[in-house]
Amino acid sequence: MIASQTIDGLIIKDPTLRGGRPIIAGTGVTVRTIVGYYKLGYTPEETADEMGLGLAGVYAALAYYHLNQDEIEADIVANSEETVINEAGPLPHDT
């Protein structure tokens, strides 16, 4: 008999990996990264091919995003270039 896999455990959050952000288990690829491809118009298949990931992991990341959209969108905003620059202040050569 062949063992079946379930979606449990495809997305993990570990405080020691990627700052505790949700990732596709066994890859280190954040849900935020998959969402970036999604927002650029990539299909799940294209994303999986581009990143060398299993399709189930990409779909799990997208499902996680749609279930936790506020969390992921807040992470995207918090790590946007504009936010980082505003929080850090100008670079020495910009003053």
PDB file of N, CA and C in Angstrom:
ATOM      1  N   MET A   1       0.836  -1.187   0.000  1.00  0.00           N
ATOM      2  CA  MET A   1       0.000   0.000   0.000  1.00  0.00           C
ATOM      3  C   MET A   1       0.881   1.251   0.000  1.00  0.00           C
ATOM      4  N   ILE A   2       0.570   2.196  -0.828  1.00  0.00           N
ATOM      5  CA  ILE A   2       1.315   3.448  -0.922  1.00  0.00           C
ATOM      6  C   ILE A   2       0.743   4.432   0.095  1.00  0.00           C
ATOM      7  N   ALA A   3       1.626   5.070   0.842  1.00  0.00           N
ATOM      8  CA  ALA A   3       1.194   6.046   1.835  1.00  0.00           C
ATOM      9  C   ALA A   3       0.747   7.327   1.132  1.00  0.00           C
ATOM     10  N   SER A   4      -0.338   7.883   1.596  1.00  0.00           N
ATOM     11  CA  SER A   4      -0.841   9.147   1.068  1.00  0.00           C
ATOM     12  C   SER A   4      -0.215  10.303   1.814  1.00  0.00           C
ATOM     13  N   GLN A   5      -0.044  11.404   1.127  1.00  0.00           N
ATOM     14  CA  GLN A   5       0.421  12.627   1.771  1.00  0.00           C
ATOM     15  C   GLN A   5      -0.768  13.534   1.995  1.00  0.00           C
ATOM     16  N   THR A   6      -0.677  14.382   3.018  1.00  0.00           N
ATOM     17  CA  THR A   6      -1.710  15.373   3.281  1.00  0.00           C
ATOM     18  C   THR A   6      -1.077  16.757   3.199  1.00  0.00           C
ATOM     19  N   ILE A   7      -1.902  17.775   3.236  1.00  0.00           N
ATOM     20  CA  ILE A   7      -1.366  19.132   3.156  1.00  0.00           C
ATOM     21  C   ILE A   7      -0.815  19.614   4.492  1.00  0.00           C
ATOM     22  N   ASP A   8      -1.101  18.881   5.561  1.00  0.00           N
ATOM     23  CA  ASP A   8      -0.533  19.240   6.866  1.00  0.00           C
ATOM     24  C   ASP A   8       0.981  19.273   6.764  1.00  0.00           C
ATOM     25  N   GLY A   9       1.564  20.321   7.237  1.00  0.00           N
ATOM     26  CA  GLY A   9       3.013  20.413   7.279  1.00  0.00           C
ATOM     27  C   GLY A   9       3.675  20.933   6.020  1.00  0.00           C
ATOM     28  N   LEU A  10       2.905  21.271   4.984  1.00  0.00           N
ATOM     29  CA  LEU A  10       3.536  21.826   3.776  1.00  0.00           C
ATOM     30  C   LEU A  10       4.042  23.246   4.004  1.00  0.00           C
ATOM     31  N   ILE A  11       3.369  23.987   4.888  1.00  0.00           N
ATOM     32  CA  ILE A  11       3.799  25.331   5.250  1.00  0.00           C
ATOM     33  C   ILE A  11       4.147  25.303   6.734  1.00  0.00           C
ATOM     34  N   ILE A  12       5.349  25.783   7.056  1.00  0.00           N
ATOM     35  CA  ILE A  12       5.763  25.808   8.455  1.00  0.00           C
ATOM     36  C   ILE A  12       6.204  27.207   8.852  1.00  0.00           C
ATOM     37  N   LYS A  13       6.141  27.464  10.147  1.00  0.00           N
ATOM     38  CA  LYS A  13       6.675  28.702  10.722  1.00  0.00           C
ATOM     39  C   LYS A  13       7.603  28.284  11.848  1.00  0.00           C
ATOM     40  N   ASP A  14       8.872  28.625  11.699  1.00  0.00           N
ATOM     41  CA  ASP A  14       9.891  28.283  12.681  1.00  0.00           C
ATOM     42  C   ASP A  14      10.661  29.562  12.975  1.00  0.00           C
ATOM     43  N   PRO A  15      10.715  29.972  14.228  1.00  0.00           N
ATOM     44  CA  PRO A  15      11.393  31.235  14.543  1.00  0.00           C
ATOM     45  C   PRO A  15      12.869  31.264  14.145  1.00  0.00           C
ATOM     46  N   THR A  16      13.464  30.096  13.903  1.00  0.00           N
ATOM     47  CA  THR A  16      14.877  30.055  13.516  1.00  0.00           C
ATOM     48  C   THR A  16      15.075  30.104  12.003  1.00  0.00           C
ATOM     49  N   LEU A  17      13.984  30.091  11.240  1.00  0.00           N
ATOM     50  CA  LEU A  17      14.073  30.108   9.776  1.00  0.00           C
ATOM     51  C   LEU A  17      13.371  31.336   9.210  1.00  0.00           C
ATOM     52  N   ARG A  18      14.079  32.084   8.409  1.00  0.00           N
ATOM     53  CA  ARG A  18      13.504  33.248   7.696  1.00  0.00           C
ATOM     54  C   ARG A  18      12.744  34.191   8.633  1.00  0.00           C
ATOM     55  N   GLY A  19      13.277  34.377   9.831  1.00  0.00           N
ATOM     56  CA  GLY A  19      12.657  35.307  10.779  1.00  0.00           C
ATOM     57  C   GLY A  19      11.284  34.874  11.245  1.00  0.00           C
ATOM     58  N   GLY A  20      10.998  33.599  11.174  1.00  0.00           N
ATOM     59  CA  GLY A  20       9.699  33.093  11.612  1.00  0.00           C
ATOM     60  C   GLY A  20       8.593  33.241  10.577  1.00  0.00           C
ATOM     61  N   ARG A  21       8.948  33.714   9.400  1.00  0.00           N
ATOM     62  CA  ARG A  21       7.938  33.843   8.346  1.00  0.00           C
ATOM     63  C   ARG A  21       7.506  32.456   7.875  1.00  0.00           C
ATOM     64  N   PRO A  22       6.280  32.338   7.386  1.00  0.00           N
ATOM     65  CA  PRO A  22       5.847  31.037   6.865  1.00  0.00           C
ATOM     66  C   PRO A  22       6.613  30.676   5.596  1.00  0.00           C
ATOM     67  N   ILE A  23       7.067  29.433   5.544  1.00  0.00           N
ATOM     68  CA  ILE A  23       7.836  28.942   4.393  1.00  0.00           C
ATOM     69  C   ILE A  23       7.282  27.605   3.922  1.00  0.00           C
ATOM     70  N   ILE A  24       7.609  27.265   2.693  1.00  0.00           N
ATOM     71  CA  ILE A  24       7.298  25.933   2.179  1.00  0.00           C
ATOM     72  C   ILE A  24       8.290  24.982   2.827  1.00  0.00           C
ATOM     73  N   ALA A  25       7.775  24.007   3.550  1.00  0.00           N
ATOM     74  CA  ALA A  25       8.615  23.080   4.311  1.00  0.00           C
ATOM     75  C   ALA A  25       9.692  22.461   3.430  1.00  0.00           C
ATOM     76  N   GLY A  26      10.898  22.419   3.979  1.00  0.00           N
ATOM     77  CA  GLY A  26      12.013  21.788   3.289  1.00  0.00           C
ATOM     78  C   GLY A  26      12.663  22.621   2.208  1.00  0.00           C
ATOM     79  N   THR A  27      12.211  23.862   2.048  1.00  0.00           N
ATOM     80  CA  THR A  27      12.755  24.682   0.964  1.00  0.00           C
ATOM     81  C   THR A  27      13.363  25.997   1.428  1.00  0.00           C
ATOM     82  N   GLY A  28      12.837  26.579   2.463  1.00  0.00           N
ATOM     83  CA  GLY A  28      13.260  27.918   2.862  1.00  0.00           C
ATOM     84  C   GLY A  28      12.608  29.019   2.057  1.00  0.00           C
ATOM     85  N   VAL A  29      11.757  28.673   1.094  1.00  0.00           N
ATOM     86  CA  VAL A  29      11.065  29.671   0.262  1.00  0.00           C
ATOM     87  C   VAL A  29       9.858  30.193   1.042  1.00  0.00           C
ATOM     88  N   THR A  30       9.815  31.507   1.208  1.00  0.00           N
ATOM     89  CA  THR A  30       8.721  32.101   1.970  1.00  0.00           C
ATOM     90  C   THR A  30       7.433  32.177   1.160  1.00  0.00           C
ATOM     91  N   VAL A  31       6.341  32.176   1.903  1.00  0.00           N
ATOM     92  CA  VAL A  31       5.032  32.386   1.270  1.00  0.00           C
ATOM     93  C   VAL A  31       5.041  33.739   0.574  1.00  0.00           C
ATOM     94  N   ARG A  32       5.676  34.718   1.196  1.00  0.00           N
ATOM     95  CA  ARG A  32       5.768  36.063   0.615  1.00  0.00           C
ATOM     96  C   ARG A  32       6.389  36.022  -0.779  1.00  0.00           C
ATOM     97  N   THR A  33       7.406  35.205  -0.973  1.00  0.00           N
ATOM     98  CA  THR A  33       8.047  35.081  -2.279  1.00  0.00           C
ATOM     99  C   THR A  33       7.076  34.519  -3.314  1.00  0.00           C
ATOM    100  N   ILE A  34       6.349  33.485  -2.939  1.00  0.00           N
ATOM    101  CA  ILE A  34       5.364  32.892  -3.854  1.00  0.00           C
ATOM    102  C   ILE A  34       4.290  33.907  -4.202  1.00  0.00           C
ATOM    103  N   VAL A  35       3.863  34.690  -3.219  1.00  0.00           N
ATOM    104  CA  VAL A  35       2.850  35.721  -3.456  1.00  0.00           C
ATOM    105  C   VAL A  35       3.380  36.765  -4.435  1.00  0.00           C
ATOM    106  N   GLY A  36       4.665  37.067  -4.356  1.00  0.00           N
ATOM    107  CA  GLY A  36       5.256  38.004  -5.318  1.00  0.00           C
ATOM    108  C   GLY A  36       5.103  37.516  -6.739  1.00  0.00           C
ATOM    109  N   TYR A  37       5.401  36.245  -6.967  1.00  0.00           N
ATOM    110  CA  TYR A  37       5.216  35.661  -8.305  1.00  0.00           C
ATOM    111  C   TYR A  37       3.743  35.697  -8.709  1.00  0.00           C
ATOM    112  N   TYR A  38       2.874  35.367  -7.772  1.00  0.00           N
ATOM    113  CA  TYR A  38       1.424  35.366  -8.010  1.00  0.00           C
ATOM    114  C   TYR A  38       0.961  36.760  -8.444  1.00  0.00           C
ATOM    115  N   LYS A  39       1.431  37.779  -7.756  1.00  0.00           N
ATOM    116  CA  LYS A  39       1.035  39.154  -8.080  1.00  0.00           C
ATOM    117  C   LYS A  39       1.619  39.631  -9.408  1.00  0.00           C
ATOM    118  N   LEU A  40       2.702  39.013  -9.841  1.00  0.00           N
ATOM    119  CA  LEU A  40       3.270  39.335 -11.146  1.00  0.00           C
ATOM    120  C   LEU A  40       2.557  38.619 -12.287  1.00  0.00           C
ATOM    121  N   GLY A  41       1.604  37.750 -11.936  1.00  0.00           N
ATOM    122  CA  GLY A  41       0.824  37.065 -12.957  1.00  0.00           C
ATOM    123  C   GLY A  41       1.304  35.668 -13.307  1.00  0.00           C
ATOM    124  N   TYR A  42       2.291  35.164 -12.579  1.00  0.00           N
ATOM    125  CA  TYR A  42       2.752  33.795 -12.825  1.00  0.00           C
ATOM    126  C   TYR A  42       1.683  32.807 -12.391  1.00  0.00           C
ATOM    127  N   THR A  43       1.536  31.741 -13.145  1.00  0.00           N
ATOM    128  CA  THR A  43       0.652  30.661 -12.721  1.00  0.00           C
ATOM    129  C   THR A  43       1.405  29.833 -11.677  1.00  0.00           C
ATOM    130  N   PRO A  44       0.691  29.047 -10.881  1.00  0.00           N
ATOM    131  CA  PRO A  44       1.388  28.160  -9.941  1.00  0.00           C
ATOM    132  C   PRO A  44       2.387  27.240 -10.640  1.00  0.00           C
ATOM    133  N   GLU A  45       2.024  26.751 -11.815  1.00  0.00           N
ATOM    134  CA  GLU A  45       2.922  25.871 -12.571  1.00  0.00           C
ATOM    135  C   GLU A  45       4.194  26.608 -12.982  1.00  0.00           C
ATOM    136  N   GLU A  46       4.038  27.842 -13.462  1.00  0.00           N
ATOM    137  CA  GLU A  46       5.200  28.642 -13.858  1.00  0.00           C
ATOM    138  C   GLU A  46       6.094  28.939 -12.650  1.00  0.00           C
ATOM    139  N   THR A  47       5.460  29.259 -11.521  1.00  0.00           N
ATOM    140  CA  THR A  47       6.218  29.540 -10.301  1.00  0.00           C
ATOM    141  C   THR A  47       7.000  28.313  -9.866  1.00  0.00           C
ATOM    142  N   ALA A  48       6.341  27.162  -9.861  1.00  0.00           N
ATOM    143  CA  ALA A  48       7.010  25.914  -9.469  1.00  0.00           C
ATOM    144  C   ALA A  48       8.191  25.630 -10.387  1.00  0.00           C
ATOM    145  N   ASP A  49       7.997  25.771 -11.687  1.00  0.00           N
ATOM    146  CA  ASP A  49       9.080  25.537 -12.643  1.00  0.00           C
ATOM    147  C   ASP A  49      10.219  26.533 -12.455  1.00  0.00           C
ATOM    148  N   GLU A  50       9.887  27.797 -12.321  1.00  0.00           N
ATOM    149  CA  GLU A  50      10.884  28.861 -12.186  1.00  0.00           C
ATOM    150  C   GLU A  50      11.750  28.672 -10.940  1.00  0.00           C
ATOM    151  N   MET A  51      11.119  28.213  -9.863  1.00  0.00           N
ATOM    152  CA  MET A  51      11.823  28.117  -8.584  1.00  0.00           C
ATOM    153  C   MET A  51      12.277  26.701  -8.239  1.00  0.00           C
ATOM    154  N   GLY A  52      11.959  25.737  -9.082  1.00  0.00           N
ATOM    155  CA  GLY A  52      12.344  24.363  -8.807  1.00  0.00           C
ATOM    156  C   GLY A  52      11.607  23.766  -7.617  1.00  0.00           C
ATOM    157  N   LEU A  53      10.341  24.125  -7.472  1.00  0.00           N
ATOM    158  CA  LEU A  53       9.526  23.669  -6.351  1.00  0.00           C
ATOM    159  C   LEU A  53       8.474  22.672  -6.806  1.00  0.00           C
ATOM    160  N   GLY A  54       7.971  21.909  -5.857  1.00  0.00           N
ATOM    161  CA  GLY A  54       6.835  21.046  -6.140  1.00  0.00           C
ATOM    162  C   GLY A  54       5.573  21.876  -6.238  1.00  0.00           C
ATOM    163  N   LEU A  55       4.693  21.482  -7.115  1.00  0.00           N
ATOM    164  CA  LEU A  55       3.458  22.232  -7.330  1.00  0.00           C
ATOM    165  C   LEU A  55       2.595  22.270  -6.068  1.00  0.00           C
ATOM    166  N   ALA A  56       2.585  21.187  -5.302  1.00  0.00           N
ATOM    167  CA  ALA A  56       1.796  21.155  -4.070  1.00  0.00           C
ATOM    168  C   ALA A  56       2.249  22.241  -3.101  1.00  0.00           C
ATOM    169  N   GLY A  57       3.548  22.468  -3.012  1.00  0.00           N
ATOM    170  CA  GLY A  57       4.062  23.503  -2.124  1.00  0.00           C
ATOM    171  C   GLY A  57       3.634  24.894  -2.551  1.00  0.00           C
ATOM    172  N   VAL A  58       3.630  25.145  -3.848  1.00  0.00           N
ATOM    173  CA  VAL A  58       3.202  26.449  -4.360  1.00  0.00           C
ATOM    174  C   VAL A  58       1.722  26.663  -4.062  1.00  0.00           C
ATOM    175  N   TYR A  59       0.907  25.654  -4.329  1.00  0.00           N
ATOM    176  CA  TYR A  59      -0.521  25.782  -4.022  1.00  0.00           C
ATOM    177  C   TYR A  59      -0.753  25.937  -2.521  1.00  0.00           C
ATOM    178  N   ALA A  60       0.021  25.245  -1.699  1.00  0.00           N
ATOM    179  CA  ALA A  60      -0.113  25.379  -0.245  1.00  0.00           C
ATOM    180  C   ALA A  60       0.226  26.809   0.184  1.00  0.00           C
ATOM    181  N   ALA A  61       1.273  27.383  -0.419  1.00  0.00           N
ATOM    182  CA  ALA A  61       1.647  28.758  -0.098  1.00  0.00           C
ATOM    183  C   ALA A  61       0.549  29.735  -0.493  1.00  0.00           C
ATOM    184  N   LEU A  62      -0.039  29.515  -1.649  1.00  0.00           N
ATOM    185  CA  LEU A  62      -1.135  30.393  -2.084  1.00  0.00           C
ATOM    186  C   LEU A  62      -2.365  30.228  -1.195  1.00  0.00           C
ATOM    187  N   ALA A  63      -2.644  29.005  -0.778  1.00  0.00           N
ATOM    188  CA  ALA A  63      -3.765  28.775   0.138  1.00  0.00           C
ATOM    189  C   ALA A  63      -3.493  29.475   1.468  1.00  0.00           C
ATOM    190  N   TYR A  64      -2.268  29.352   1.967  1.00  0.00           N
ATOM    191  CA  TYR A  64      -1.899  30.018   3.216  1.00  0.00           C
ATOM    192  C   TYR A  64      -2.101  31.529   3.070  1.00  0.00           C
ATOM    193  N   TYR A  65      -1.657  32.070   1.969  1.00  0.00           N
ATOM    194  CA  TYR A  65      -1.814  33.510   1.717  1.00  0.00           C
ATOM    195  C   TYR A  65      -3.277  33.916   1.758  1.00  0.00           C
ATOM    196  N   HIS A  66      -4.130  33.174   1.074  1.00  0.00           N
ATOM    197  CA  HIS A  66      -5.545  33.550   1.020  1.00  0.00           C
ATOM    198  C   HIS A  66      -6.237  33.371   2.365  1.00  0.00           C
ATOM    199  N   LEU A  67      -5.735  32.471   3.186  1.00  0.00           N
ATOM    200  CA  LEU A  67      -6.284  32.294   4.533  1.00  0.00           C
ATOM    201  C   LEU A  67      -5.732  33.316   5.524  1.00  0.00           C
ATOM    202  N   ASN A  68      -4.568  33.869   5.231  1.00  0.00           N
ATOM    203  CA  ASN A  68      -3.865  34.774   6.150  1.00  0.00           C
ATOM    204  C   ASN A  68      -3.371  36.021   5.420  1.00  0.00           C
ATOM    205  N   GLN A  69      -4.237  36.555   4.587  1.00  0.00           N
ATOM    206  CA  GLN A  69      -3.843  37.646   3.703  1.00  0.00           C
ATOM    207  C   GLN A  69      -3.331  38.870   4.464  1.00  0.00           C
ATOM    208  N   ASP A  70      -3.971  39.228   5.571  1.00  0.00           N
ATOM    209  CA  ASP A  70      -3.527  40.398   6.328  1.00  0.00           C
ATOM    210  C   ASP A  70      -2.097  40.221   6.832  1.00  0.00           C
ATOM    211  N   GLU A  71      -1.770  39.025   7.321  1.00  0.00           N
ATOM    212  CA  GLU A  71      -0.421  38.734   7.823  1.00  0.00           C
ATOM    213  C   GLU A  71       0.627  38.884   6.725  1.00  0.00           C
ATOM    214  N   ILE A  72       0.360  38.298   5.571  1.00  0.00           N
ATOM    215  CA  ILE A  72       1.347  38.321   4.483  1.00  0.00           C
ATOM    216  C   ILE A  72       1.459  39.725   3.890  1.00  0.00           C
ATOM    217  N   GLU A  73       0.346  40.396   3.710  1.00  0.00           N
ATOM    218  CA  GLU A  73       0.395  41.763   3.164  1.00  0.00           C
ATOM    219  C   GLU A  73       1.152  42.692   4.110  1.00  0.00           C
ATOM    220  N   ALA A  74       0.975  42.533   5.417  1.00  0.00           N
ATOM    221  CA  ALA A  74       1.708  43.352   6.389  1.00  0.00           C
ATOM    222  C   ALA A  74       3.208  43.079   6.286  1.00  0.00           C
ATOM    223  N   ASP A  75       3.576  41.823   6.078  1.00  0.00           N
ATOM    224  CA  ASP A  75       4.991  41.468   5.923  1.00  0.00           C
ATOM    225  C   ASP A  75       5.564  42.074   4.646  1.00  0.00           C
ATOM    226  N   ILE A  76       4.785  42.049   3.585  1.00  0.00           N
ATOM    227  CA  ILE A  76       5.230  42.641   2.311  1.00  0.00           C
ATOM    228  C   ILE A  76       5.473  44.136   2.498  1.00  0.00           C
ATOM    229  N   VAL A  77       4.531  44.823   3.125  1.00  0.00           N
ATOM    230  CA  VAL A  77       4.668  46.269   3.335  1.00  0.00           C
ATOM    231  C   VAL A  77       5.850  46.558   4.256  1.00  0.00           C
ATOM    232  N   ALA A  78       5.985  45.793   5.335  1.00  0.00           N
ATOM    233  CA  ALA A  78       7.053  46.028   6.308  1.00  0.00           C
ATOM    234  C   ALA A  78       8.430  45.839   5.686  1.00  0.00           C
ATOM    235  N   ASN A  79       8.504  45.055   4.637  1.00  0.00           N
ATOM    236  CA  ASN A  79       9.796  44.773   4.012  1.00  0.00           C
ATOM    237  C   ASN A  79       9.946  45.408   2.641  1.00  0.00           C
ATOM    238  N   SER A  80       9.054  46.342   2.328  1.00  0.00           N
ATOM    239  CA  SER A  80       9.186  47.037   1.050  1.00  0.00           C
ATOM    240  C   SER A  80      10.372  47.988   1.126  1.00  0.00           C
ATOM    241  N   GLU A  81      10.929  48.284   0.003  1.00  0.00           N
ATOM    242  CA  GLU A  81      12.093  49.178  -0.051  1.00  0.00           C
ATOM    243  C   GLU A  81      11.770  50.529   0.577  1.00  0.00           C
ATOM    244  N   GLU A  82      10.587  51.053   0.281  1.00  0.00           N
ATOM    245  CA  GLU A  82      10.202  52.360   0.803  1.00  0.00           C
ATOM    246  C   GLU A  82      10.137  52.355   2.333  1.00  0.00           C
ATOM    247  N   THR A  83       9.549  51.310   2.914  1.00  0.00           N
ATOM    248  CA  THR A  83       9.438  51.224   4.368  1.00  0.00           C
ATOM    249  C   THR A  83      10.804  51.099   5.011  1.00  0.00           C
ATOM    250  N   VAL A  84      11.651  50.255   4.438  1.00  0.00           N
ATOM    251  CA  VAL A  84      12.991  50.065   4.993  1.00  0.00           C
ATOM    252  C   VAL A  84      13.780  51.367   4.954  1.00  0.00           C
ATOM    253  N   ILE A  85      13.709  52.097   3.864  1.00  0.00           N
ATOM    254  CA  ILE A  85      14.415  53.379   3.746  1.00  0.00           C
ATOM    255  C   ILE A  85      13.866  54.384   4.754  1.00  0.00           C
ATOM    256  N   ASN A  86      12.536  54.450   4.879  1.00  0.00           N
ATOM    257  CA  ASN A  86      11.936  55.391   5.824  1.00  0.00           C
ATOM    258  C   ASN A  86      12.333  55.089   7.266  1.00  0.00           C
ATOM    259  N   GLU A  87      12.430  53.807   7.613  1.00  0.00           N
ATOM    260  CA  GLU A  87      12.795  53.424   8.967  1.00  0.00           C
ATOM    261  C   GLU A  87      14.284  53.612   9.233  1.00  0.00           C
ATOM    262  N   ALA A  88      15.120  53.364   8.247  1.00  0.00           N
ATOM    263  CA  ALA A  88      16.564  53.440   8.431  1.00  0.00           C
ATOM    264  C   ALA A  88      17.089  54.865   8.280  1.00  0.00           C
ATOM    265  N   GLY A  89      16.351  55.673   7.562  1.00  0.00           N
ATOM    266  CA  GLY A  89      16.832  57.021   7.283  1.00  0.00           C
ATOM    267  C   GLY A  89      17.694  57.026   6.039  1.00  0.00           C
ATOM    268  N   PRO A  90      18.104  58.178   5.592  1.00  0.00           N
ATOM    269  CA  PRO A  90      18.901  58.270   4.378  1.00  0.00           C
ATOM    270  C   PRO A  90      20.290  57.665   4.560  1.00  0.00           C
ATOM    271  N   LEU A  91      20.826  57.175   3.473  1.00  0.00           N
ATOM    272  CA  LEU A  91      22.188  56.667   3.471  1.00  0.00           C
ATOM    273  C   LEU A  91      23.135  57.857   3.579  1.00  0.00           C
ATOM    274  N   PRO A  92      24.332  57.647   4.131  1.00  0.00           N
ATOM    275  CA  PRO A  92      25.275  58.771   4.311  1.00  0.00           C
ATOM    276  C   PRO A  92      25.530  59.558   3.036  1.00  0.00           C
ATOM    277  N   HIS A  93      25.602  58.882   1.890  1.00  0.00           N
ATOM    278  CA  HIS A  93      25.877  59.599   0.638  1.00  0.00           C
ATOM    279  C   HIS A  93      24.659  60.333   0.110  1.00  0.00           C
ATOM    280  N   ASP A  94      23.456  60.114   0.738  1.00  0.00           N
ATOM    281  CA  ASP A  94      22.246  60.817   0.305  1.00  0.00           C
ATOM    282  C   ASP A  94      22.036  62.135   1.052  1.00  0.00           C
ATOM    283  N   THR A  95      22.851  62.399   2.041  1.00  0.00           N
ATOM    284  CA  THR A  95      22.646  63.618   2.853  1.00  0.00           C
ATOM    285  C   THR A  95      23.479  64.769   2.364  1.00  0.00           C
TER     286      THR A  95
END
